[in-house]
Every structure is written in structure tokens, then in C-alpha cells.
Protein backbone atom coordinates (compact mmCIF):
# COMPACT_ATOMS: atom_id res chain seq x y z
CA UNK A 1 21.71 201.51 95.10
CA UNK A 2 23.65 204.19 93.27
CA UNK A 3 24.81 207.38 94.98
CA UNK A 4 25.69 210.89 93.86
CA UNK A 5 27.82 213.29 95.91
CA UNK A 6 28.96 216.87 95.39
CA UNK A 7 32.70 217.51 95.26
CA UNK A 8 32.86 221.13 96.40
CA UNK A 9 33.22 223.49 99.34
CA UNK A 10 31.39 226.36 97.63
CA UNK A 11 28.34 227.30 99.67
CA UNK A 12 26.27 228.56 96.73
CA UNK A 13 26.87 225.37 94.77
CA UNK A 14 26.05 223.33 97.86
CA UNK A 15 22.82 225.17 98.59
CA UNK A 16 21.67 224.66 95.01
CA UNK A 17 22.81 221.06 94.81
CA UNK A 18 21.52 219.86 98.15
CA UNK A 19 18.16 221.51 97.52
CA UNK A 20 17.66 220.56 93.87
CA UNK A 21 19.70 217.45 93.03
CA UNK A 22 19.61 213.84 94.37
CA UNK A 23 22.78 214.27 96.41
CA UNK A 24 23.57 212.02 99.40
CA UNK A 25 26.88 213.50 100.51
CA UNK A 26 29.59 216.12 100.11
CA UNK A 27 33.29 215.50 99.57
CA UNK A 28 36.17 217.92 99.97
CA UNK A 29 39.94 217.96 99.74
CA UNK A 30 42.69 220.54 100.31
CA UNK A 31 42.61 221.65 96.66
CA UNK A 32 38.86 222.28 96.76
CA UNK A 33 39.22 224.24 100.00
CA UNK A 34 42.04 226.30 98.48
CA UNK A 35 39.71 227.35 95.65
CA UNK A 36 37.50 229.10 98.21
CA UNK A 37 40.27 231.56 99.11
CA UNK A 38 41.40 232.53 102.60
CA UNK A 39 38.59 230.88 104.52
CA UNK A 40 38.51 229.53 108.05
CA UNK A 41 38.57 225.86 107.08
CA UNK A 42 36.74 224.43 110.08
CA UNK A 43 34.17 227.22 110.04
CA UNK A 44 33.42 226.41 106.39
CA UNK A 45 33.27 222.68 107.03
CA UNK A 46 30.85 223.26 109.91
CA UNK A 47 28.65 225.27 107.57
CA UNK A 48 28.74 222.42 105.08
CA UNK A 49 27.98 219.89 107.82
CA UNK A 50 24.95 221.96 108.84
CA UNK A 51 23.73 222.06 105.24
CA UNK A 52 24.17 218.28 104.97
CA UNK A 53 22.08 217.64 108.08
CA UNK A 54 21.70 214.12 109.42
CA UNK A 55 20.80 212.42 106.14
CA UNK A 56 23.88 213.33 104.09
CA UNK A 57 27.52 212.45 104.71
CA UNK A 58 30.51 214.79 104.83
CA UNK A 59 33.93 213.53 103.72
CA UNK A 60 37.02 215.47 104.89
CA UNK A 61 40.60 214.69 103.86
CA UNK A 62 43.72 214.54 106.00
CA UNK A 63 46.91 216.18 104.76
CA UNK A 64 49.52 214.48 106.95
CA UNK A 65 51.93 212.03 105.33
CA UNK A 66 52.99 209.89 108.33
CA UNK A 67 50.73 207.25 109.86
CA UNK A 68 50.70 208.58 113.42
CA UNK A 69 50.12 212.12 112.17
CA UNK A 70 47.24 210.92 109.98
CA UNK A 71 45.63 209.26 113.00
CA UNK A 72 46.06 212.39 115.12
CA UNK A 73 44.62 214.56 112.35
CA UNK A 74 41.66 212.22 111.92
CA UNK A 75 40.87 212.40 115.63
CA UNK A 76 40.99 216.19 115.50
CA UNK A 77 38.65 216.31 112.50
CA UNK A 78 36.18 214.06 114.31
CA UNK A 79 36.37 216.21 117.45
CA UNK A 80 35.69 219.34 115.41
CA UNK A 81 33.01 218.04 113.04
CA UNK A 82 31.43 215.02 114.71
CA UNK A 83 32.01 211.31 114.89
CA UNK A 84 29.85 210.62 111.83
CA UNK A 85 32.25 212.51 109.56
CA UNK A 86 34.00 210.37 106.94
CA UNK A 87 37.78 210.68 107.04
CA UNK A 88 39.43 210.67 103.62
CA UNK A 89 42.82 208.97 103.71
CA UNK A 90 45.06 208.45 100.65
CA UNK A 91 45.95 204.82 100.00
CA UNK A 92 49.71 205.17 100.42
CA UNK A 93 52.35 203.34 102.42
CA UNK A 94 51.53 205.55 105.40
CA UNK A 95 47.83 205.85 104.68
CA UNK A 96 46.95 202.16 104.51
CA UNK A 97 47.84 201.32 108.15
CA UNK A 98 45.94 204.44 109.21
CA UNK A 99 42.88 203.24 107.27
CA UNK A 100 43.16 199.86 109.00
CA UNK A 101 43.42 201.36 112.49
CA UNK A 102 40.69 203.94 111.98
CA UNK A 103 38.30 201.38 110.50
CA UNK A 104 38.99 198.93 113.34
CA UNK A 105 38.09 201.72 115.76
CA UNK A 106 34.72 202.30 114.13
CA UNK A 107 35.68 205.41 112.16
CA UNK A 108 34.07 205.89 108.74
CA UNK A 109 36.90 205.99 106.21
CA UNK A 110 36.87 207.02 102.56
CA UNK A 111 40.03 205.69 100.93
CA UNK A 112 41.20 208.20 98.33
CA UNK A 113 43.88 208.93 95.71
CA UNK A 114 43.31 205.51 94.15
CA UNK A 115 44.94 204.97 90.77
CA UNK A 116 45.19 201.17 90.67
CA UNK A 117 43.26 197.99 91.35
CA UNK A 118 45.80 196.94 93.99
CA UNK A 119 45.24 200.15 95.96
CA UNK A 120 41.49 199.56 95.84
CA UNK A 121 41.80 195.95 96.98
CA UNK A 122 44.04 196.89 99.89
CA UNK A 123 41.65 199.65 100.96
CA UNK A 124 38.73 197.21 100.92
CA UNK A 125 40.67 194.70 103.02
CA UNK A 126 41.66 197.48 105.45
CA UNK A 127 37.99 198.25 106.08
CA UNK A 128 37.34 201.47 104.14
CA UNK A 129 33.66 202.25 103.55
CA UNK A 130 34.23 204.14 100.28
CA UNK A 131 36.90 203.60 97.62
CA UNK A 132 37.53 206.89 95.80
CA UNK A 133 38.91 206.08 92.36
CA UNK A 134 40.42 208.99 90.37
CA UNK A 135 38.84 208.64 86.93
CA UNK A 136 40.23 211.55 84.92
CA UNK A 137 43.65 211.41 86.55
CA UNK A 138 43.98 207.74 85.59
CA UNK A 139 43.08 208.57 82.00
CA UNK A 140 45.75 211.28 82.03
CA UNK A 141 48.25 208.63 83.18
CA UNK A 142 47.25 206.31 80.31
CA UNK A 143 45.45 203.95 82.71
CA UNK A 144 41.98 202.65 81.83
CA UNK A 145 39.77 203.75 84.75
CA UNK A 146 36.86 201.58 83.63
CA UNK A 147 39.02 198.46 83.94
CA UNK A 148 40.24 199.48 87.39
CA UNK A 149 36.69 200.17 88.57
CA UNK A 150 35.42 196.86 87.18
CA UNK A 151 38.24 194.92 88.84
CA UNK A 152 37.74 196.57 92.22
CA UNK A 153 33.98 196.01 91.98
CA UNK A 154 34.56 192.33 91.23
CA UNK A 155 36.83 192.09 94.27
CA UNK A 156 34.26 193.80 96.51
CA UNK A 157 31.47 191.52 95.34
CA UNK A 158 33.61 188.41 95.70
CA UNK A 159 34.81 189.32 99.19
CA UNK A 160 31.37 190.11 100.56
CA UNK A 161 32.54 193.56 101.65
CA UNK A 162 30.04 196.39 102.01
CA UNK A 163 32.57 198.91 100.63
CA UNK A 164 31.40 201.11 97.78
CA UNK A 165 33.34 202.54 94.87
CA UNK A 166 33.01 206.32 94.84
CA UNK A 167 34.41 207.46 91.51
CA UNK A 168 35.96 210.94 91.54
CA UNK A 169 38.08 213.30 89.43
CA UNK A 170 35.86 214.06 86.45
CA UNK A 171 36.17 216.56 83.61
CA UNK A 172 32.94 215.79 81.76
CA UNK A 173 29.59 214.01 82.08
CA UNK A 174 30.64 211.14 79.80
CA UNK A 175 33.27 210.09 82.34
CA UNK A 176 30.64 209.99 85.07
CA UNK A 177 28.41 207.76 82.95
CA UNK A 178 31.36 205.45 82.19
CA UNK A 179 32.21 205.19 85.89
CA UNK A 180 28.71 204.05 86.82
CA UNK A 181 28.53 201.70 83.84
CA UNK A 182 31.83 200.11 84.88
CA UNK A 183 30.57 199.23 88.34
CA UNK A 184 31.00 202.28 90.56
CA UNK A 185 28.18 202.52 93.10
CA UNK A 186 28.74 206.24 93.51
CA UNK A 187 30.30 209.31 91.95
CA UNK A 188 31.32 212.62 93.46
CA UNK A 189 31.22 215.44 90.95
CA UNK A 190 31.51 219.19 90.74
CA UNK A 191 28.37 221.27 90.35
CA UNK A 192 29.59 222.32 86.91
CA UNK A 193 29.40 218.72 85.66
CA UNK A 194 25.78 218.37 86.77
CA UNK A 195 24.88 221.70 85.20
CA UNK A 196 26.48 220.58 81.94
CA UNK A 197 24.46 217.38 82.03
CA UNK A 198 21.25 219.37 82.41
CA UNK A 199 22.14 222.28 80.14
CA UNK A 200 22.25 220.75 76.67
CA UNK A 201 20.52 222.88 74.06
CA UNK A 202 18.60 219.83 72.84
CA UNK A 203 16.92 219.55 76.26
CA UNK A 204 15.85 223.19 76.23
CA UNK A 205 14.64 222.84 72.65
CA UNK A 206 12.49 219.82 73.51
CA UNK A 207 10.98 221.50 76.58
CA UNK A 208 10.20 224.65 74.59
CA UNK A 209 8.61 222.57 71.84
CA UNK A 210 6.30 220.82 74.31
CA UNK A 211 5.29 224.18 75.80
CA UNK A 212 4.47 225.65 72.39
CA UNK A 213 2.42 222.60 71.38
CA UNK A 214 0.39 222.79 74.61
CA UNK A 215 -0.21 226.52 74.18
CA UNK A 216 -1.32 225.93 70.60
CA UNK A 217 -4.18 223.83 71.99
CA UNK A 218 -5.09 225.72 75.18
CA UNK A 219 -3.73 229.25 74.74
CA UNK A 220 -0.66 231.25 75.71
CA UNK A 221 0.58 230.76 79.26
CA UNK A 222 -1.67 227.77 79.94
CA UNK A 223 -0.34 224.76 81.87
CA UNK A 224 -1.77 221.52 83.23
CA UNK A 225 -2.67 223.38 86.42
CA UNK A 226 -4.56 226.21 84.69
CA UNK A 227 -6.83 224.42 82.22
């Protein structure tokens, strides 16, 4: 089953997306939170958690760079936002042991900042539930993200793990399509990407053409519910 998540902390985007689009979760990171200005971070995250309800997941990233500090930060996030919150931990030398310890303790972990197949494999073995692969950033580093996704997916399938690849870092809709086609089970995208995917002029032209053809038969303003 494929999944779509929203990568934002903007309340207006979230209200629109959670109400109108097939979204199963919300992801955030320090950069996304910075874009919202001088907000109370935990107050905003609680608002997002309330919007998500019980059926959607919230993924919150640590900022510490030492293993013990990551673990302490993760515990604080869980205390503030609830034990069902997913903790985003970069797959680094300090992050990997934290992922292992958190996962062993029953914490939901989203391994993030993944630029290579090896990082993804290690995160899977450490017990992460989601593997957040940075699509656009890999392309910018002259790395083929579709190959990395395909290799990690092959490793997941071969190992029998229930981890899922959550592709992230997109600049256009074509990258999202490529991520899914390469084996990602999920993608987290900005609201702007979804709007672009739905806002092509050819879509509007087709819809308007159907409306005009129907009105030519039944009269102006008529619809299937008024004839």
C-alpha cells in the first residue's frame, strides 16, 4: 500500500491537505519550522497533532548531534506530543545507535537524511519504521536517487523487514512519480507540489470542455444532480 504525507508545519496547508487530499501523515524538520517564523514550536506541533487525530502519524525531528542527547531529546518529544509520535533521526554515526536503542524500546523511528543505499540498509537493520530518502538533494549531489531507492527496497524485501521507504526532498511532481516508480512505498511532499500536480491548464481545459458539452445538451448551469 502506497502512502502520501505532507511535509509542512503551515496550518493553512495542513487544514487543506488533511481535509482534501489522501494524506496519512505529516512530517516536519527544523527548516520547515523555521519557515513559520517565531512560533512556539511545541504549541504548533500540538496543533498539528490535533489536526492529524488518531488516524494520521506525526513525524518530528531531533536536532542533537550526540547519541545520548538524541535519546534525551526523543524522550522529551514523546513526553510533549505523545508516545505514538514518530521520532526523526538522521542516519549518522551518532544517529544510528540512537535509532537502534529507540527502536528496541518500542519507539517509532523515521530514519532521515539518507543519501546512500548503505545508510538505508543500516537504518533498516537498526529497526527504523520509515526510511526517509532525500530525492532532490541526491540529484543535486550527482547521485541517482532512483537507484538508491530501488536498492534499499530490494534489501527491505529480501530481509523481511516491515520498514517503508518514505521519499522526501522534492522540487517537482516528476520526482515524486519517479520515487514511487522506483520502489518507494511513501512520499512526503509540500502542499505546493500537490497543487502543481492538480493545477495543470490541460486539466482545467478538459473539465471546462466536459461542462460545456453537458450544458449544450441540458442547458446552462445543469449538472447530473439537476436534470
